[in-house]
Amino acid sequence: MEQMNVARLMVKCLEEEGVKYVFGLPGEENIHFVNALHDSKKIRFILVRHEQGASFMADVYGRISGQAGVCASTLGPGAINLLLGVTDANTDSVPVVAFSAQVGINRIYKETHQYVDVVNLFKPVTKTAAMALTPESIPEMIRAAFDKAQAERPGAAFLAIPQDIENKPIPAGCAPVKLRPKHKSYPDATAILEAVNLLKTAKNPIMLIGYGAVRNHAETEIRELCNYLRIPTATTFMAKGVVSDREEHVLGTVGFMKHDYENFAFDKADVILAVGYELEEFAPATINPDADKKIIHINTFIQDIDACYSIDVSIEADIAESVKLLTDELKREKITCKKSDAAIKKLVADELNRFDHDQSMPVKPQKLMKVIRDCMKDDEIVIADTGAVKMWMARLYPTYEPNTCMVTNGLSTMSYALPGAIGAHFAKPGKRVLAVTGDGSFMMNSQEMETAVREKVPLKILIWEDKAYGLIKWKMDMDLKMHSEVDFTNPDFVKYAESFGARGYRIEKAEDLEPTIKKALDEEGVSLIVCPVDYSENVKLTDKLGELKMPN
């Protein structure tokens, strides 16, 4: 019987963790690991065209599935290419485990070809980063990486495997470590009563829902609480859909760079019930600039210190269980607030519907969003890339289920949507997925179209084309009243898509937009649509928000 080597033991450990996919790119130094994955009956290696694409695929896979997405690379340059998506996952509290090769221990101590201290490179941007130095350590180190990545507050973990360790034989009896049993953390009863008392005396309470609520699958309990309290409710960009935008008390999102419609509701609030909110989603000064509001904090962990997020009641436990007990206690004491903000709700709806019948070209962002919404079912997934497109989608795209309008918000990196949509497909193969991206972001990871074609992923891409880095142009025009060094040219996107074996469409008339999107969504294979967008609406929006006054 052939003795097992480290690479095959690594795969056995991943199988024990329930891993189904490893997104990555092989190199000379990890060929035994890739070969062992090829022989696995439980795990598929998804070959990508750039390690950054692999890390974004793992990022979105982990975000949707709740299990750690896994990505892998060779040493040095490959590992460095993984860094962006791994960092993005960590800042968004998404479970990801990343593996890279490393030069052999036999030459790590001296100046040597392709050596980079990858452990210290990844340490600042992961929950844990380590290098295996003995075959015996592999099972414990892999188990520890997944344990850290999938903790109550998830994040990224990194493990480097030296080249001369990868093919070493495993001593007899060395096997995967059993998974730890997981237990819910239950809220403190006193803290629940303190929250009830604070809500009882509140004159203008408001609810803020953050990404922790999505991650903890607490939407059922939160919706029950919202429907009972009936108070104005807003979400962060990443928590869109935890509560449905169809509900009259659900105002929309906060986190925009300017004082948005929903911020007016926070201006007059005296108590903020924050459920799953995390500081990296947006600065608390946005909603509590004078640090004078009472805050009830419900999450699985205590927040970092921020002068504008001074917590009065902290409930650190399983979010769904905490919200359920809070709702039960409110009902027992017959406390309900029943306040809404119809004026804000109307402003959001009016902006979304403003260009319903507009047939001008280029297409207005508001119309683009409305058409996308009309083409997608409630539970189908849209992934919006970073840029001006993210600001419009995160603010206005009506969302009815969690993780169906996804953005990256902790690191807010460009080029996330296209590879992320591939990761979303593997996490939810039965759902239609649309990547909505600007032309600047698209070109940064467009090579992953080949991955989608080869893997028969029904990837659909909608490019908002303005031939510029639109968000930077927007910021320059706001602050400097001019812009520079932001404009570029594009290839023929239709021919570019066709060169990968995909279909390509260009919108020449506004009335063609909806039928083209519907056609692309319904057809097999990879489809790309490019639609010119009228970003003159950007500065018009921020000018309007700067002048807007709401009645008390």
Protein backbone atom coordinates (compact mmCIF):
# COMPACT_ATOMS: atom_id res chain seq x y z
CA MET A 1 0.00 0.00 0.00
CA GLU A 2 1.40 3.37 -1.07
CA GLN A 3 2.25 5.66 1.84
CA MET A 4 0.23 8.88 1.93
CA ASN A 5 2.08 12.14 1.35
CA VAL A 6 1.33 15.59 2.77
CA ALA A 7 -0.55 16.75 -0.34
CA ARG A 8 -2.97 13.82 -0.14
CA LEU A 9 -3.41 14.29 3.60
CA MET A 10 -4.28 17.96 2.93
CA VAL A 11 -7.03 16.85 0.57
CA LYS A 12 -8.33 14.34 3.14
CA CYS A 13 -8.48 17.18 5.67
CA LEU A 14 -10.39 19.39 3.23
CA GLU A 15 -12.83 16.58 2.52
CA GLU A 16 -13.38 16.22 6.28
CA GLU A 17 -14.20 19.96 6.41
CA GLY A 18 -16.88 19.47 3.75
CA VAL A 19 -15.03 21.41 1.04
CA LYS A 20 -16.54 20.94 -2.43
CA TYR A 21 -14.44 23.34 -4.52
CA VAL A 22 -10.95 24.77 -4.48
CA PHE A 23 -10.50 27.79 -6.74
CA GLY A 24 -6.94 28.27 -7.84
CA LEU A 25 -3.98 28.16 -10.17
CA PRO A 26 -1.20 25.58 -10.02
CA GLY A 27 2.53 26.20 -9.94
CA GLU A 28 5.65 24.09 -9.87
CA GLU A 29 5.68 24.12 -6.09
CA ASN A 30 2.13 22.80 -5.48
CA ILE A 31 1.74 20.20 -8.22
CA HIS A 32 1.32 17.34 -5.74
CA PHE A 33 -1.55 19.17 -3.99
CA VAL A 34 -3.28 19.95 -7.29
CA ASN A 35 -2.83 16.36 -8.44
CA ALA A 36 -4.30 15.08 -5.16
CA LEU A 37 -7.30 17.37 -5.64
CA HIS A 38 -7.70 16.00 -9.17
CA ASP A 39 -7.97 12.48 -7.71
CA SER A 40 -10.50 13.48 -5.04
CA LYS A 41 -14.05 12.14 -5.44
CA LYS A 42 -15.49 14.94 -3.26
CA ILE A 43 -13.63 18.11 -4.26
CA ARG A 44 -13.31 19.82 -7.64
CA PHE A 45 -10.37 22.05 -8.48
CA ILE A 46 -11.66 25.05 -10.45
CA LEU A 47 -8.79 26.31 -12.59
CA VAL A 48 -8.85 30.11 -12.93
CA ARG A 49 -6.96 32.58 -15.12
CA HIS A 50 -5.63 34.77 -12.30
CA GLU A 51 -5.24 34.08 -8.59
CA GLN A 52 -7.14 37.25 -7.76
CA GLY A 53 -10.14 35.75 -9.52
CA ALA A 54 -9.75 32.61 -7.39
CA SER A 55 -9.78 34.62 -4.17
CA PHE A 56 -12.93 36.54 -5.18
CA MET A 57 -14.66 33.29 -6.15
CA ALA A 58 -13.80 31.83 -2.73
CA ASP A 59 -14.94 35.08 -1.09
CA VAL A 60 -18.44 35.06 -2.60
CA TYR A 61 -18.75 31.28 -2.26
CA GLY A 62 -18.03 31.63 1.47
CA ARG A 63 -20.41 34.55 1.83
CA ILE A 64 -23.36 32.73 0.26
CA SER A 65 -22.74 29.21 1.55
CA GLY A 66 -21.61 30.15 5.06
CA GLN A 67 -18.82 27.57 4.74
CA ALA A 68 -15.28 28.68 4.09
CA GLY A 69 -14.49 29.26 0.43
CA VAL A 70 -11.08 27.81 -0.44
CA CYS A 71 -8.50 29.21 -2.84
CA ALA A 72 -4.98 28.09 -3.66
CA SER A 73 -1.91 29.36 -5.44
CA THR A 74 1.75 28.75 -5.96
CA LEU A 75 4.38 30.67 -3.99
CA GLY A 76 5.56 34.30 -4.31
CA PRO A 77 3.72 36.06 -7.16
CA GLY A 78 0.79 33.64 -7.03
CA ALA A 79 0.35 34.16 -3.31
CA ILE A 80 0.57 37.93 -3.72
CA ASN A 81 -2.18 37.77 -6.35
CA LEU A 82 -4.43 35.97 -3.84
CA LEU A 83 -3.95 38.77 -1.34
CA LEU A 84 -6.65 41.17 -2.58
CA GLY A 85 -9.61 38.80 -2.42
CA VAL A 86 -8.42 37.29 0.85
CA THR A 87 -8.20 40.76 2.37
CA ASP A 88 -11.62 41.62 0.97
CA ALA A 89 -13.12 38.55 2.63
CA ASN A 90 -11.50 39.34 5.95
CA THR A 91 -12.73 42.94 6.01
CA ASP A 92 -16.24 41.78 5.10
CA SER A 93 -16.14 39.04 7.79
CA VAL A 94 -16.50 36.26 5.20
CA PRO A 95 -15.05 32.77 5.79
CA VAL A 96 -12.16 31.99 3.41
CA VAL A 97 -9.18 29.65 3.73
CA ALA A 98 -6.27 30.36 1.39
CA PHE A 99 -3.35 28.05 0.67
CA SER A 100 -0.12 28.93 -1.07
CA ALA A 101 3.06 27.07 -1.78
CA GLN A 102 6.38 28.26 -0.40
CA VAL A 103 10.01 27.56 -1.24
CA GLY A 104 11.43 24.52 0.49
CA ILE A 105 12.64 24.74 4.06
CA ASN A 106 15.98 23.64 2.66
CA ARG A 107 16.43 27.09 1.11
CA ILE A 108 14.07 29.38 3.01
CA TYR A 109 16.85 30.70 5.24
CA LYS A 110 18.84 32.35 2.43
CA GLU A 111 18.34 34.64 -0.56
CA THR A 112 16.53 32.42 -2.99
CA HIS A 113 14.46 32.41 -6.17
CA GLN A 114 10.81 33.54 -5.75
CA TYR A 115 10.96 33.66 -1.95
CA VAL A 116 8.63 36.09 -0.22
CA ASP A 117 7.74 35.97 3.48
CA VAL A 118 4.10 35.21 2.68
CA VAL A 119 3.14 34.52 6.29
CA ASN A 120 4.03 38.03 7.37
CA LEU A 121 2.47 39.36 4.18
CA PHE A 122 -0.91 37.80 5.06
CA LYS A 123 -0.84 38.28 8.84
CA PRO A 124 -2.20 41.85 8.91
CA VAL A 125 -5.14 40.98 6.66
CA THR A 126 -6.24 37.59 8.02
CA LYS A 127 -7.38 36.14 11.33
CA THR A 128 -4.48 33.71 11.22
CA ALA A 129 -1.50 33.10 8.93
CA ALA A 130 0.99 30.28 9.38
CA MET A 131 3.38 27.92 7.61
CA ALA A 132 3.51 24.16 8.04
CA LEU A 133 7.01 22.96 8.95
CA THR A 134 6.35 19.27 9.61
CA PRO A 135 4.04 16.69 8.02
CA GLU A 136 2.56 15.87 11.43
CA SER A 137 1.32 19.44 11.87
CA ILE A 138 -0.87 19.46 8.74
CA PRO A 139 -4.16 18.10 10.21
CA GLU A 140 -4.11 20.41 13.22
CA MET A 141 -3.10 23.47 11.19
CA ILE A 142 -5.82 22.94 8.58
CA ARG A 143 -8.44 22.34 11.27
CA ALA A 144 -7.28 25.51 13.08
CA ALA A 145 -7.47 27.54 9.85
CA PHE A 146 -11.09 26.49 9.23
CA ASP A 147 -11.96 26.97 12.89
CA LYS A 148 -10.71 30.57 12.80
CA ALA A 149 -12.25 31.29 9.39
CA GLN A 150 -15.67 29.96 10.42
CA ALA A 151 -15.80 31.41 13.93
CA GLU A 152 -18.71 33.53 15.25
CA ARG A 153 -17.12 36.46 13.48
CA PRO A 154 -15.72 34.82 10.35
CA GLY A 155 -12.78 35.96 8.30
CA ALA A 156 -9.84 34.73 6.30
CA ALA A 157 -7.14 32.24 7.23
CA PHE A 158 -3.90 31.55 5.35
CA LEU A 159 -1.60 28.54 5.33
CA ALA A 160 1.68 28.20 3.42
CA ILE A 161 3.06 24.76 2.51
CA PRO A 162 6.81 24.58 1.69
CA GLN A 163 7.69 22.70 -1.48
CA ASP A 164 9.76 20.05 0.28
CA ILE A 165 6.98 19.42 2.84
CA GLU A 166 4.23 18.92 0.23
CA ASN A 167 5.49 15.53 -0.99
CA LYS A 168 6.85 14.17 2.30
CA PRO A 169 5.39 10.91 3.59
CA ILE A 170 2.97 10.99 6.50
CA PRO A 171 3.77 9.01 9.63
CA ALA A 172 1.40 6.17 10.48
CA GLY A 173 -1.69 7.29 12.37
CA CYS A 174 -1.57 10.91 11.12
CA ALA A 175 -5.16 11.72 10.08
CA PRO A 176 -7.64 14.61 9.83
CA VAL A 177 -8.70 16.16 13.13
CA LYS A 178 -12.36 15.89 14.08
CA LEU A 179 -14.48 19.01 13.74
CA ARG A 180 -15.42 20.74 16.97
CA PRO A 181 -19.11 20.72 17.94
CA LYS A 182 -20.68 24.17 17.60
CA HIS A 183 -23.06 25.69 20.12
CA LYS A 184 -25.25 28.75 20.07
CA SER A 185 -24.41 31.54 22.47
CA TYR A 186 -27.50 32.66 24.38
CA PRO A 187 -28.25 36.29 25.30
CA ASP A 188 -28.13 37.59 28.83
CA ALA A 189 -31.68 38.00 30.19
CA THR A 190 -30.78 41.23 31.99
CA ALA A 191 -29.52 42.79 28.77
CA ILE A 192 -32.76 41.85 27.00
CA LEU A 193 -34.78 43.61 29.71
CA GLU A 194 -32.52 46.67 29.49
CA ALA A 195 -33.15 46.83 25.73
CA VAL A 196 -36.91 46.54 26.31
CA ASN A 197 -36.84 49.39 28.84
CA LEU A 198 -34.88 51.60 26.48
CA LEU A 199 -37.33 50.98 23.64
CA LYS A 200 -40.25 51.55 26.04
CA THR A 201 -39.09 55.12 26.74
CA ALA A 202 -37.91 55.93 23.20
CA LYS A 203 -39.70 58.72 21.37
CA ASN A 204 -38.23 58.10 17.92
CA PRO A 205 -36.57 54.68 17.77
CA ILE A 206 -35.06 53.38 14.55
CA MET A 207 -33.66 50.01 13.57
CA LEU A 208 -30.34 49.53 11.74
CA ILE A 209 -29.59 46.09 10.32
CA GLY A 210 -26.04 45.12 9.36
CA TYR A 211 -24.32 42.25 7.59
CA GLY A 212 -24.00 40.18 10.78
CA ALA A 213 -27.73 39.53 10.49
CA VAL A 214 -27.24 38.02 7.02
CA ARG A 215 -24.29 35.93 8.14
CA ASN A 216 -26.28 34.56 11.09
CA HIS A 217 -29.37 33.78 8.98
CA ALA A 218 -31.54 35.85 11.32
CA GLU A 219 -33.92 37.24 8.70
CA THR A 220 -36.99 35.34 9.95
CA GLU A 221 -36.60 36.62 13.52
CA ILE A 222 -35.72 40.14 12.41
CA ARG A 223 -38.74 40.34 10.13
CA GLU A 224 -40.99 39.29 12.99
CA LEU A 225 -39.49 41.99 15.21
CA CYS A 226 -39.82 44.62 12.48
CA ASN A 227 -43.41 43.73 11.75
CA TYR A 228 -44.23 43.91 15.44
CA LEU A 229 -42.42 47.16 16.32
CA ARG A 230 -43.26 48.91 13.02
CA ILE A 231 -40.49 51.45 13.38
CA PRO A 232 -38.40 53.01 10.59
CA THR A 233 -35.81 50.46 9.53
CA ALA A 234 -32.71 50.81 7.37
CA THR A 235 -30.00 48.37 6.38
CA THR A 236 -26.36 48.68 5.50
CA PHE A 237 -25.38 48.06 1.89
CA MET A 238 -24.37 44.46 2.69
CA ALA A 239 -27.55 43.69 4.64
CA LYS A 240 -29.95 44.54 1.82
CA GLY A 241 -32.81 42.07 1.73
CA VAL A 242 -32.78 40.94 5.36
CA VAL A 243 -36.01 42.89 5.50
CA SER A 244 -37.99 43.33 2.31
CA ASP A 245 -38.04 46.71 0.61
CA ARG A 246 -41.76 46.10 0.01
CA GLU A 247 -42.50 46.73 3.71
CA GLU A 248 -43.72 50.28 4.42
CA HIS A 249 -41.41 50.75 7.43
CA VAL A 250 -38.27 49.66 5.50
CA LEU A 251 -36.69 52.88 4.25
CA GLY A 252 -33.64 51.67 2.33
CA THR A 253 -29.90 51.76 3.01
CA VAL A 254 -27.38 53.94 4.77
CA GLY A 255 -23.69 54.18 3.93
CA PHE A 256 -23.64 56.60 0.98
CA MET A 257 -20.92 59.26 0.82
CA LYS A 258 -23.50 62.05 1.27
CA HIS A 259 -26.39 62.63 3.67
CA ASP A 260 -28.92 60.39 1.96
CA TYR A 261 -32.71 60.22 2.34
CA GLU A 262 -32.56 57.57 5.06
CA ASN A 263 -30.16 59.67 7.13
CA PHE A 264 -32.98 62.11 7.89
CA ALA A 265 -34.70 59.37 9.87
CA PHE A 266 -31.54 58.86 11.93
CA ASP A 267 -31.22 62.61 12.49
CA LYS A 268 -34.41 62.69 14.56
CA ALA A 269 -33.94 59.28 16.22
CA ASP A 270 -33.19 59.07 19.93
CA VAL A 271 -32.61 55.29 20.11
CA ILE A 272 -30.87 53.11 17.51
CA LEU A 273 -31.55 49.39 17.67
CA ALA A 274 -28.51 48.05 15.78
CA VAL A 275 -28.75 44.39 14.80
CA GLY A 276 -25.68 42.84 13.18
CA TYR A 277 -24.14 46.21 12.35
CA GLU A 278 -20.34 46.25 12.09
CA LEU A 279 -18.14 49.32 12.04
CA GLU A 280 -16.36 48.56 8.77
CA GLU A 281 -19.69 48.78 6.93
CA PHE A 282 -19.72 52.58 7.32
CA ALA A 283 -18.59 55.15 9.89
CA PRO A 284 -21.08 55.56 12.77
CA ALA A 285 -20.61 59.34 12.54
CA THR A 286 -22.83 59.09 9.46
CA ILE A 287 -25.86 58.33 11.64
CA ASN A 288 -24.82 59.64 15.07
CA PRO A 289 -22.54 62.62 14.45
CA ASP A 290 -23.15 64.20 17.87
CA ALA A 291 -22.83 60.88 19.73
CA ASP A 292 -26.08 61.70 21.54
CA LYS A 293 -28.27 58.73 20.61
CA LYS A 294 -28.87 55.70 22.80
CA ILE A 295 -27.64 52.52 21.12
CA ILE A 296 -28.77 48.92 21.61
CA HIS A 297 -26.14 46.65 20.07
CA ILE A 298 -27.06 43.08 19.07
CA ASN A 299 -24.33 40.98 17.51
CA THR A 300 -22.20 37.93 18.20
CA PHE A 301 -19.33 40.15 19.39
CA ILE A 302 -18.69 43.54 20.95
CA GLN A 303 -17.70 46.30 18.56
CA ASP A 304 -14.43 48.17 18.53
CA ILE A 305 -14.39 51.57 20.24
CA ASP A 306 -15.87 54.46 18.30
CA ALA A 307 -16.92 57.75 19.87
CA CYS A 308 -20.07 57.85 17.71
CA TYR A 309 -21.02 54.26 18.55
CA SER A 310 -21.14 54.40 22.33
CA ILE A 311 -23.25 51.40 23.34
CA ASP A 312 -25.87 51.65 26.09
CA VAL A 313 -27.08 48.03 25.93
CA SER A 314 -24.92 45.26 24.45
CA ILE A 315 -26.36 41.84 23.67
CA GLU A 316 -23.51 39.63 22.48
CA ALA A 317 -24.95 36.28 21.49
CA ASP A 318 -26.56 34.38 18.63
CA ILE A 319 -28.41 37.11 16.70
CA ALA A 320 -31.49 35.11 15.78
CA GLU A 321 -31.94 33.91 19.35
CA SER A 322 -31.37 37.41 20.77
CA VAL A 323 -33.89 39.00 18.44
CA LYS A 324 -36.46 36.29 19.16
CA LEU A 325 -36.18 36.79 22.93
CA LEU A 326 -36.35 40.56 22.53
CA THR A 327 -39.52 40.24 20.41
CA ASP A 328 -41.08 37.83 22.92
CA GLU A 329 -40.38 40.22 25.80
CA LEU A 330 -41.74 43.23 23.88
CA LYS A 331 -44.91 41.29 23.14
CA ARG A 332 -45.20 40.15 26.75
CA GLU A 333 -45.07 43.75 27.92
CA LYS A 334 -47.25 44.84 24.97
CA ILE A 335 -44.72 47.42 23.81
CA THR A 336 -45.00 48.51 20.21
CA CYS A 337 -43.94 51.78 18.61
CA LYS A 338 -45.71 51.83 15.22
CA LYS A 339 -43.88 54.75 13.67
CA SER A 340 -43.08 55.03 9.99
CA ASP A 341 -41.56 57.60 7.68
CA ALA A 342 -43.66 57.70 4.54
CA ALA A 343 -41.94 60.86 3.25
CA ILE A 344 -38.54 59.17 3.09
CA LYS A 345 -40.01 56.02 1.58
CA LYS A 346 -41.64 58.14 -1.13
CA LEU A 347 -38.39 59.97 -1.94
CA VAL A 348 -36.59 56.66 -2.51
CA ALA A 349 -39.43 55.30 -4.67
CA ASP A 350 -39.70 58.52 -6.68
CA GLU A 351 -36.01 58.47 -7.50
CA LEU A 352 -36.10 54.83 -8.57
CA ASN A 353 -39.14 55.39 -10.80
CA ARG A 354 -38.08 58.78 -12.11
CA PHE A 355 -37.02 57.57 -15.58
CA ASP A 356 -39.48 54.70 -16.00
CA HIS A 357 -40.59 55.90 -19.41
CA ASP A 358 -37.38 57.66 -20.45
CA GLN A 359 -35.99 56.30 -23.74
CA SER A 360 -32.92 58.50 -24.00
CA MET A 361 -29.41 57.20 -24.60
CA PRO A 362 -27.14 56.76 -22.73
CA VAL A 363 -29.46 55.13 -20.19
CA LYS A 364 -30.00 56.74 -16.79
CA PRO A 365 -28.72 54.71 -13.78
CA GLN A 366 -32.18 54.75 -12.19
CA LYS A 367 -33.73 53.17 -15.28
CA LEU A 368 -30.99 50.55 -15.46
CA MET A 369 -31.75 49.48 -11.91
CA LYS A 370 -35.49 49.39 -12.48
CA VAL A 371 -35.07 47.23 -15.58
CA ILE A 372 -32.68 44.84 -13.80
CA ARG A 373 -35.17 44.49 -10.95
CA ASP A 374 -37.98 43.74 -13.40
CA CYS A 375 -35.86 41.02 -15.03
CA MET A 376 -34.76 39.23 -11.85
CA LYS A 377 -36.86 37.08 -9.52
CA ASP A 378 -36.86 37.93 -5.81
CA ASP A 379 -34.38 35.19 -4.88
CA GLU A 380 -32.01 35.59 -7.86
CA ILE A 381 -28.60 37.12 -7.28
CA VAL A 382 -27.16 40.41 -8.51
CA ILE A 383 -23.54 41.18 -7.68
CA ALA A 384 -22.65 44.85 -8.06
CA ASP A 385 -19.04 45.85 -8.52
CA THR A 386 -17.34 48.74 -6.76
CA GLY A 387 -17.61 52.14 -8.41
CA ALA A 388 -20.47 54.46 -9.28
CA VAL A 389 -22.51 51.36 -10.17
CA LYS A 390 -22.25 50.17 -6.57
CA MET A 391 -23.51 53.48 -5.18
CA TRP A 392 -26.60 53.37 -7.36
CA MET A 393 -27.33 49.67 -6.84
CA ALA A 394 -26.69 49.65 -3.08
CA ARG A 395 -28.83 52.74 -2.56
CA LEU A 396 -31.79 52.06 -4.80
CA TYR A 397 -32.03 48.49 -6.11
CA PRO A 398 -35.14 47.03 -4.42
CA THR A 399 -34.13 43.87 -2.55
CA TYR A 400 -36.40 41.30 -0.96
CA GLU A 401 -34.14 38.46 0.19
CA PRO A 402 -30.68 38.48 1.82
CA ASN A 403 -27.60 37.93 -0.34
CA THR A 404 -29.49 38.77 -3.52
CA CYS A 405 -27.91 42.20 -4.06
CA MET A 406 -24.29 41.79 -3.07
CA VAL A 407 -21.49 44.33 -2.82
CA THR A 408 -18.09 44.38 -1.19
CA ASN A 409 -18.06 47.06 1.48
CA GLY A 410 -15.26 46.46 3.99
CA LEU A 411 -12.43 46.83 1.48
CA SER A 412 -14.68 47.91 -1.43
CA THR A 413 -12.35 46.59 -4.07
CA MET A 414 -12.96 46.86 -7.79
CA SER A 415 -13.17 43.78 -10.08
CA TYR A 416 -15.14 41.72 -7.54
CA ALA A 417 -18.37 41.12 -9.45
CA LEU A 418 -17.37 38.94 -12.40
CA PRO A 419 -15.31 36.30 -10.53
CA GLY A 420 -17.67 36.68 -7.57
CA ALA A 421 -20.60 35.70 -9.80
CA ILE A 422 -18.74 32.51 -10.71
CA GLY A 423 -18.31 31.76 -7.00
CA ALA A 424 -22.00 32.48 -6.47
CA HIS A 425 -22.92 29.95 -9.14
CA PHE A 426 -20.97 27.19 -7.39
CA ALA A 427 -22.57 28.11 -4.05
CA LYS A 428 -26.10 28.26 -5.52
CA PRO A 429 -26.02 26.38 -8.84
CA GLY A 430 -29.78 26.59 -9.30
CA LYS A 431 -29.98 30.39 -9.08
CA ARG A 432 -29.52 32.85 -11.91
CA VAL A 433 -26.65 35.26 -11.20
CA LEU A 434 -26.04 38.63 -12.84
CA ALA A 435 -22.74 40.50 -12.48
CA VAL A 436 -23.34 44.24 -12.78
CA THR A 437 -20.08 46.09 -13.31
CA GLY A 438 -18.55 49.26 -14.60
CA ASP A 439 -16.25 49.08 -17.60
CA GLY A 440 -13.24 49.95 -15.42
CA SER A 441 -13.87 47.11 -12.99
CA PHE A 442 -14.78 44.65 -15.74
CA MET A 443 -11.43 44.93 -17.50
CA MET A 444 -9.52 44.17 -14.30
CA ASN A 445 -10.75 40.55 -14.15
CA SER A 446 -12.40 40.01 -17.53
CA GLN A 447 -10.14 37.01 -18.22
CA GLU A 448 -12.34 34.92 -15.92
CA MET A 449 -14.93 34.83 -18.70
CA GLU A 450 -12.80 31.99 -20.08
CA THR A 451 -13.13 30.16 -16.74
CA ALA A 452 -16.91 30.52 -16.93
CA VAL A 453 -17.06 29.30 -20.55
CA ARG A 454 -14.78 26.32 -19.83
CA GLU A 455 -16.66 25.38 -16.65
CA LYS A 456 -20.05 25.87 -18.35
CA VAL A 457 -21.08 28.46 -15.76
CA PRO A 458 -24.17 30.39 -17.00
CA LEU A 459 -22.48 33.70 -16.22
CA LYS A 460 -24.39 36.85 -17.18
CA ILE A 461 -22.59 40.21 -17.19
CA LEU A 462 -24.07 43.69 -17.57
CA ILE A 463 -21.49 46.44 -18.13
CA TRP A 464 -22.44 50.04 -17.36
CA GLU A 465 -20.18 51.80 -19.85
CA ASP A 466 -19.02 55.38 -19.34
CA LYS A 467 -15.38 55.03 -20.49
CA ALA A 468 -14.11 56.43 -17.21
CA TYR A 469 -13.45 55.59 -13.58
CA GLY A 470 -16.88 56.99 -12.85
CA LEU A 471 -16.84 57.10 -9.05
CA ILE A 472 -13.53 58.98 -8.99
CA LYS A 473 -14.81 61.37 -11.64
CA TRP A 474 -17.92 61.89 -9.48
CA LYS A 475 -15.82 62.66 -6.40
CA MET A 476 -13.54 65.02 -8.35
CA ASP A 477 -16.50 66.86 -9.83
CA MET A 478 -18.02 67.24 -6.37
CA ASP A 479 -14.90 68.41 -4.56
CA LEU A 480 -12.77 70.02 -7.29
CA LYS A 481 -15.48 71.07 -9.75
CA MET A 482 -13.39 69.38 -12.47
CA HIS A 483 -11.82 66.01 -13.19
CA SER A 484 -8.62 64.68 -14.74
CA GLU A 485 -6.85 61.36 -15.44
CA VAL A 486 -10.03 59.28 -15.21
CA ASP A 487 -11.05 58.75 -18.85
CA PHE A 488 -10.06 55.79 -21.04
CA THR A 489 -11.11 53.84 -24.13
CA ASN A 490 -12.59 50.35 -24.32
CA PRO A 491 -12.31 47.40 -26.66
CA ASP A 492 -15.30 46.25 -28.67
CA PHE A 493 -16.94 44.38 -25.79
CA VAL A 494 -19.19 42.32 -28.07
CA LYS A 495 -16.24 40.99 -30.07
CA TYR A 496 -14.27 40.57 -26.86
CA ALA A 497 -17.01 38.35 -25.39
CA GLU A 498 -17.28 36.38 -28.62
CA SER A 499 -13.52 35.77 -28.61
CA PHE A 500 -14.02 33.78 -25.37
CA GLY A 501 -16.83 31.75 -26.90
CA ALA A 502 -19.51 33.83 -25.16
CA ARG A 503 -22.37 35.88 -26.57
CA GLY A 504 -22.13 39.65 -26.68
CA TYR A 505 -24.80 42.35 -27.00
CA ARG A 506 -24.60 46.12 -27.20
CA ILE A 507 -27.60 48.29 -26.28
CA GLU A 508 -28.13 50.93 -28.95
CA LYS A 509 -31.71 51.88 -28.00
CA ALA A 510 -33.13 52.14 -24.47
CA GLU A 511 -36.20 50.07 -25.41
CA ASP A 512 -33.89 47.13 -26.22
CA LEU A 513 -32.45 46.96 -22.71
CA GLU A 514 -35.12 44.86 -20.96
CA PRO A 515 -35.66 42.29 -23.75
CA THR A 516 -31.90 41.87 -24.17
CA ILE A 517 -31.34 41.24 -20.45
CA LYS A 518 -34.22 38.76 -20.37
CA LYS A 519 -32.88 36.98 -23.44
CA ALA A 520 -29.38 36.74 -21.95
CA LEU A 521 -30.70 35.44 -18.63
CA ASP A 522 -32.74 32.73 -20.35
CA GLU A 523 -30.09 31.47 -22.76
CA GLU A 524 -27.41 28.91 -21.94
CA GLY A 525 -23.76 29.76 -21.47
CA VAL A 526 -21.98 33.05 -20.87
CA SER A 527 -23.58 36.29 -22.05
CA LEU A 528 -22.33 39.86 -21.86
CA ILE A 529 -24.39 43.02 -22.34
CA VAL A 530 -22.83 46.45 -22.58
CA CYS A 531 -25.05 49.46 -22.00
CA PRO A 532 -23.89 53.09 -22.14
CA VAL A 533 -24.84 54.87 -18.89
CA ASP A 534 -25.60 58.55 -18.31
CA TYR A 535 -23.51 59.40 -15.26
CA SER A 536 -24.42 63.07 -15.45
CA GLU A 537 -27.01 61.90 -12.89
CA ASN A 538 -24.21 61.42 -10.34
CA VAL A 539 -23.51 65.06 -9.51
CA LYS A 540 -27.19 65.92 -9.92
CA LEU A 541 -27.92 63.42 -7.13
CA THR A 542 -25.31 64.71 -4.70
CA ASP A 543 -26.26 68.33 -5.43
CA LYS A 544 -29.88 67.44 -4.70
CA LEU A 545 -29.00 65.65 -1.46
CA GLY A 546 -26.87 68.59 -0.37
CA GLU A 547 -29.82 70.96 -0.74
CA LEU A 548 -32.56 68.64 0.53
CA LYS A 549 -34.45 69.66 3.64
CA MET A 550 -36.95 67.39 5.35
CA PRO A 551 -39.83 68.61 7.50
CA ASN A 552 -39.62 67.75 11.22
